[in-house]
């Protein structure tokens, strides 16, 4: 007698409760990643705000001194490549930092009284692209490179100067 093998079928039964639980777990994990990313982006914006506050503090310290020669070293988000200084009422000639100048000029208007810009502006947080630094004298358009999220900006003020020189 020949035995016939019966085909065995695999059967998987998952209840509605199990499917619903899996969906809830997936939604929770996605939400957690979104929240973590939001707070990391918020931290980047705080770095830029802290940089502006620290720079203004160092410039004010220099401005209140009779003589000052030093620099400010600040921390910025890792996606910022340069910190640029420019009095936007001045016309710039020359080719040094032309790429940065072109990008910054697109993001500013003559009406705004800003003189510090982050490059590239598209990588800066909304509202943190530019800042109005008080008590500074700017000659032309000048940029300082950001290396490993750190930038060093030289500041000086002579005894007969009324404003702090950047650069």
C-alpha atoms as a PDB file:
ATOM      1  CA  UNK A   1       0.000   0.000   0.000  1.00  0.00           C
ATOM      2  CA  UNK A   2       1.319   3.362  -1.001  1.00  0.00           C
ATOM      3  CA  UNK A   3       0.963   6.051   1.556  1.00  0.00           C
ATOM      4  CA  UNK A   4       0.017   9.344   0.247  1.00  0.00           C
ATOM      5  CA  UNK A   5       1.576  12.331   1.722  1.00  0.00           C
ATOM      6  CA  UNK A   6      -0.781  15.065   2.486  1.00  0.00           C
ATOM      7  CA  UNK A   7       0.455  18.518   1.847  1.00  0.00           C
ATOM      8  CA  UNK A   8       0.822  20.369   5.095  1.00  0.00           C
ATOM      9  CA  UNK A   9      -0.119  23.980   4.995  1.00  0.00           C
ATOM     10  CA  UNK A  10       1.313  26.526   7.339  1.00  0.00           C
ATOM     11  CA  UNK A  11      -1.272  28.577   9.020  1.00  0.00           C
ATOM     12  CA  UNK A  12      -0.746  31.837  10.790  1.00  0.00           C
ATOM     13  CA  UNK A  13      -3.487  33.333  12.774  1.00  0.00           C
ATOM     14  CA  UNK A  14      -3.017  36.767  14.241  1.00  0.00           C
ATOM     15  CA  UNK A  15      -5.784  38.344  16.186  1.00  0.00           C
ATOM     16  CA  UNK A  16      -7.002  41.860  15.636  1.00  0.00           C
ATOM     17  CA  UNK A  17      -5.576  42.893  19.002  1.00  0.00           C
ATOM     18  CA  UNK A  18      -2.088  41.744  17.981  1.00  0.00           C
ATOM     19  CA  UNK A  19      -2.252  43.642  14.674  1.00  0.00           C
ATOM     20  CA  UNK A  20      -3.483  46.758  16.467  1.00  0.00           C
ATOM     21  CA  UNK A  21      -0.641  46.475  19.025  1.00  0.00           C
ATOM     22  CA  UNK A  22       1.973  46.254  16.250  1.00  0.00           C
ATOM     23  CA  UNK A  23       0.533  49.371  14.588  1.00  0.00           C
ATOM     24  CA  UNK A  24       0.639  51.269  17.908  1.00  0.00           C
ATOM     25  CA  UNK A  25       4.276  50.228  18.491  1.00  0.00           C
ATOM     26  CA  UNK A  26       5.313  51.385  15.009  1.00  0.00           C
ATOM     27  CA  UNK A  27       3.512  54.729  15.485  1.00  0.00           C
ATOM     28  CA  UNK A  28       5.217  55.213  18.871  1.00  0.00           C
ATOM     29  CA  UNK A  29       8.692  54.538  17.445  1.00  0.00           C
ATOM     30  CA  UNK A  30       8.120  56.958  14.537  1.00  0.00           C
ATOM     31  CA  UNK A  31       6.871  59.657  16.937  1.00  0.00           C
ATOM     32  CA  UNK A  32       9.904  59.134  19.198  1.00  0.00           C
ATOM     33  CA  UNK A  33      12.299  59.632  16.270  1.00  0.00           C
ATOM     34  CA  UNK A  34      10.434  62.789  15.243  1.00  0.00           C
ATOM     35  CA  UNK A  35      10.600  64.246  18.769  1.00  0.00           C
ATOM     36  CA  UNK A  36      14.318  63.448  19.109  1.00  0.00           C
ATOM     37  CA  UNK A  37      15.045  65.103  15.766  1.00  0.00           C
ATOM     38  CA  UNK A  38      13.013  68.164  16.758  1.00  0.00           C
ATOM     39  CA  UNK A  39      15.019  68.635  19.957  1.00  0.00           C
ATOM     40  CA  UNK A  40      18.332  68.141  18.150  1.00  0.00           C
ATOM     41  CA  UNK A  41      17.338  70.831  15.628  1.00  0.00           C
ATOM     42  CA  UNK A  42      16.310  73.079  18.514  1.00  0.00           C
ATOM     43  CA  UNK A  43      19.767  72.591  20.026  1.00  0.00           C
ATOM     44  CA  UNK A  44      21.348  73.767  16.756  1.00  0.00           C
ATOM     45  CA  UNK A  45      19.283  76.968  16.900  1.00  0.00           C
ATOM     46  CA  UNK A  46      20.393  77.499  20.496  1.00  0.00           C
ATOM     47  CA  UNK A  47      24.036  77.213  19.378  1.00  0.00           C
ATOM     48  CA  UNK A  48      23.525  80.055  16.885  1.00  0.00           C
ATOM     49  CA  UNK A  49      21.694  82.213  19.424  1.00  0.00           C
ATOM     50  CA  UNK A  50      24.397  81.588  22.019  1.00  0.00           C
ATOM     51  CA  UNK A  51      27.053  82.474  19.455  1.00  0.00           C
ATOM     52  CA  UNK A  52      25.434  85.842  18.720  1.00  0.00           C
ATOM     53  CA  UNK A  53      25.007  86.618  22.434  1.00  0.00           C
ATOM     54  CA  UNK A  54      28.601  85.678  23.234  1.00  0.00           C
ATOM     55  CA  UNK A  55      29.975  87.686  20.318  1.00  0.00           C
ATOM     56  CA  UNK A  56      27.969  90.749  21.323  1.00  0.00           C
ATOM     57  CA  UNK A  57      29.225  90.361  24.892  1.00  0.00           C
ATOM     58  CA  UNK A  58      32.859  90.231  23.748  1.00  0.00           C
ATOM     59  CA  UNK A  59      32.376  93.235  21.432  1.00  0.00           C
ATOM     60  CA  UNK A  60      30.745  95.199  24.263  1.00  0.00           C
ATOM     61  CA  UNK A  61      33.648  94.288  26.553  1.00  0.00           C
ATOM     62  CA  UNK A  62      36.113  95.522  23.914  1.00  0.00           C
ATOM     63  CA  UNK A  63      34.087  98.687  23.293  1.00  0.00           C
ATOM     64  CA  UNK A  64      34.113  99.535  27.021  1.00  0.00           C
ATOM     65  CA  UNK A  65      37.913  99.117  27.158  1.00  0.00           C
ATOM     66  CA  UNK A  66      40.450 101.771  26.282  1.00  0.00           C
ATOM     67  CA  UNK A  67      42.567  99.290  24.352  1.00  0.00           C
ATOM     68  CA  UNK A  68      41.596  95.824  23.268  1.00  0.00           C
ATOM     69  CA  UNK A  69      43.211  93.145  21.175  1.00  0.00           C
ATOM     70  CA  UNK A  70      41.786  89.671  21.328  1.00  0.00           C
ATOM     71  CA  UNK A  71      39.386  87.276  19.708  1.00  0.00           C
ATOM     72  CA  UNK A  72      36.082  85.604  20.299  1.00  0.00           C
ATOM     73  CA  UNK A  73      35.797  81.853  19.828  1.00  0.00           C
ATOM     74  CA  UNK A  74      32.259  80.600  19.497  1.00  0.00           C
ATOM     75  CA  UNK A  75      30.353  77.416  18.744  1.00  0.00           C
ATOM     76  CA  UNK A  76      27.976  77.095  15.814  1.00  0.00           C
ATOM     77  CA  UNK A  77      25.919  74.286  14.271  1.00  0.00           C
ATOM     78  CA  UNK A  78      28.025  71.845  12.240  1.00  0.00           C
ATOM     79  CA  UNK A  79      26.327  72.720   8.942  1.00  0.00           C
ATOM     80  CA  UNK A  80      27.507  76.365   9.040  1.00  0.00           C
ATOM     81  CA  UNK A  81      30.685  76.931   6.997  1.00  0.00           C
ATOM     82  CA  UNK A  82      31.434  80.654   7.470  1.00  0.00           C
ATOM     83  CA  UNK A  83      30.519  83.614   9.639  1.00  0.00           C
ATOM     84  CA  UNK A  84      30.481  86.726   7.486  1.00  0.00           C
ATOM     85  CA  UNK A  85      30.517  90.414   8.430  1.00  0.00           C
ATOM     86  CA  UNK A  86      29.168  93.112   6.154  1.00  0.00           C
ATOM     87  CA  UNK A  87      27.561  96.508   6.395  1.00  0.00           C
ATOM     88  CA  UNK A  88      24.805  95.948   3.825  1.00  0.00           C
ATOM     89  CA  UNK A  89      24.830  99.584   2.717  1.00  0.00           C
ATOM     90  CA  UNK A  90      28.339  99.141   1.283  1.00  0.00           C
ATOM     91  CA  UNK A  91      28.892  98.033  -2.304  1.00  0.00           C
ATOM     92  CA  UNK A  92      31.426  95.218  -2.482  1.00  0.00           C
ATOM     93  CA  UNK A  93      34.088  94.959  -5.146  1.00  0.00           C
ATOM     94  CA  UNK A  94      36.607  92.185  -5.576  1.00  0.00           C
ATOM     95  CA  UNK A  95      36.414  88.423  -5.776  1.00  0.00           C
ATOM     96  CA  UNK A  96      37.280  87.348  -2.243  1.00  0.00           C
ATOM     97  CA  UNK A  97      34.309  85.537  -0.663  1.00  0.00           C
ATOM     98  CA  UNK A  98      32.218  86.212  -3.784  1.00  0.00           C
ATOM     99  CA  UNK A  99      30.162  83.013  -3.353  1.00  0.00           C
ATOM    100  CA  UNK A 100      29.355  83.877   0.250  1.00  0.00           C
ATOM    101  CA  UNK A 101      28.571  87.486  -0.649  1.00  0.00           C
ATOM    102  CA  UNK A 102      26.141  86.443  -3.383  1.00  0.00           C
ATOM    103  CA  UNK A 103      24.306  84.017  -1.081  1.00  0.00           C
ATOM    104  CA  UNK A 104      24.116  86.483   1.801  1.00  0.00           C
ATOM    105  CA  UNK A 105      22.933  89.306  -0.459  1.00  0.00           C
ATOM    106  CA  UNK A 106      19.949  87.195  -1.566  1.00  0.00           C
ATOM    107  CA  UNK A 107      18.854  86.780   2.065  1.00  0.00           C
ATOM    108  CA  UNK A 108      19.131  90.395   3.151  1.00  0.00           C
ATOM    109  CA  UNK A 109      17.523  93.677   2.319  1.00  0.00           C
ATOM    110  CA  UNK A 110      18.934  97.190   2.605  1.00  0.00           C
ATOM    111  CA  UNK A 111      16.165  98.040   5.077  1.00  0.00           C
ATOM    112  CA  UNK A 112      17.431  95.487   7.620  1.00  0.00           C
ATOM    113  CA  UNK A 113      20.194  96.753   9.865  1.00  0.00           C
ATOM    114  CA  UNK A 114      22.122  93.485  10.138  1.00  0.00           C
ATOM    115  CA  UNK A 115      25.859  93.022   9.889  1.00  0.00           C
ATOM    116  CA  UNK A 116      26.632  89.382  10.840  1.00  0.00           C
ATOM    117  CA  UNK A 117      25.559  86.543   8.547  1.00  0.00           C
ATOM    118  CA  UNK A 118      25.827  82.764   8.655  1.00  0.00           C
ATOM    119  CA  UNK A 119      26.812  80.961   5.467  1.00  0.00           C
ATOM    120  CA  UNK A 120      25.172  79.048   3.890  1.00  0.00           C
ATOM    121  CA  UNK A 121      21.982  80.855   4.885  1.00  0.00           C
ATOM    122  CA  UNK A 122      19.857  77.851   3.914  1.00  0.00           C
ATOM    123  CA  UNK A 123      21.516  75.784   6.674  1.00  0.00           C
ATOM    124  CA  UNK A 124      20.884  78.341   9.418  1.00  0.00           C
ATOM    125  CA  UNK A 125      17.752  78.218  11.559  1.00  0.00           C
ATOM    126  CA  UNK A 126      14.879  80.474  10.627  1.00  0.00           C
ATOM    127  CA  UNK A 127      15.492  83.865  12.176  1.00  0.00           C
ATOM    128  CA  UNK A 128      19.157  83.059  12.884  1.00  0.00           C
ATOM    129  CA  UNK A 129      20.621  83.832   9.440  1.00  0.00           C
ATOM    130  CA  UNK A 130      21.649  87.359  10.405  1.00  0.00           C
ATOM    131  CA  UNK A 131      22.233  89.504  13.461  1.00  0.00           C
ATOM    132  CA  UNK A 132      22.819  93.187  14.198  1.00  0.00           C
ATOM    133  CA  UNK A 133      26.083  93.482  16.104  1.00  0.00           C
ATOM    134  CA  UNK A 134      26.453  96.820  17.933  1.00  0.00           C
ATOM    135  CA  UNK A 135      29.630  98.892  18.379  1.00  0.00           C
ATOM    136  CA  UNK A 136      31.530  97.443  15.400  1.00  0.00           C
ATOM    137  CA  UNK A 137      33.317  98.976  12.440  1.00  0.00           C
ATOM    138  CA  UNK A 138      33.249  96.840   9.309  1.00  0.00           C
ATOM    139  CA  UNK A 139      35.385  97.336   6.241  1.00  0.00           C
ATOM    140  CA  UNK A 140      33.966  95.546   3.235  1.00  0.00           C
ATOM    141  CA  UNK A 141      32.748  91.962   3.294  1.00  0.00           C
ATOM    142  CA  UNK A 142      34.776  89.539   5.391  1.00  0.00           C
ATOM    143  CA  UNK A 143      34.199  85.900   6.354  1.00  0.00           C
ATOM    144  CA  UNK A 144      35.751  83.594   8.929  1.00  0.00           C
ATOM    145  CA  UNK A 145      35.738  79.809   8.433  1.00  0.00           C
ATOM    146  CA  UNK A 146      33.981  77.487  10.859  1.00  0.00           C
ATOM    147  CA  UNK A 147      36.102  74.425  11.675  1.00  0.00           C
ATOM    148  CA  UNK A 148      34.658  71.583  13.769  1.00  0.00           C
ATOM    149  CA  UNK A 149      31.714  73.819  14.728  1.00  0.00           C
ATOM    150  CA  UNK A 150      34.101  76.458  16.130  1.00  0.00           C
ATOM    151  CA  UNK A 151      34.940  79.888  14.752  1.00  0.00           C
ATOM    152  CA  UNK A 152      37.553  82.368  15.931  1.00  0.00           C
ATOM    153  CA  UNK A 153      36.928  86.052  15.238  1.00  0.00           C
ATOM    154  CA  UNK A 154      39.687  88.618  15.926  1.00  0.00           C
ATOM    155  CA  UNK A 155      38.577  91.869  17.547  1.00  0.00           C
ATOM    156  CA  UNK A 156      40.577  95.022  18.236  1.00  0.00           C
ATOM    157  CA  UNK A 157      40.085  98.560  19.420  1.00  0.00           C
ATOM    158  CA  UNK A 158      42.688 101.325  19.649  1.00  0.00           C
ATOM    159  CA  UNK A 159      42.712 104.195  22.108  1.00  0.00           C
ATOM    160  CA  UNK A 160      41.459 106.641  19.475  1.00  0.00           C
ATOM    161  CA  UNK A 161      38.856 104.294  17.944  1.00  0.00           C
ATOM    162  CA  UNK A 162      35.172 104.794  18.632  1.00  0.00           C
ATOM    163  CA  UNK A 163      34.143 101.331  17.401  1.00  0.00           C
ATOM    164  CA  UNK A 164      35.567  97.821  17.607  1.00  0.00           C
ATOM    165  CA  UNK A 165      37.261  96.507  14.447  1.00  0.00           C
ATOM    166  CA  UNK A 166      36.368  92.999  13.350  1.00  0.00           C
ATOM    167  CA  UNK A 167      39.113  91.096  11.546  1.00  0.00           C
END
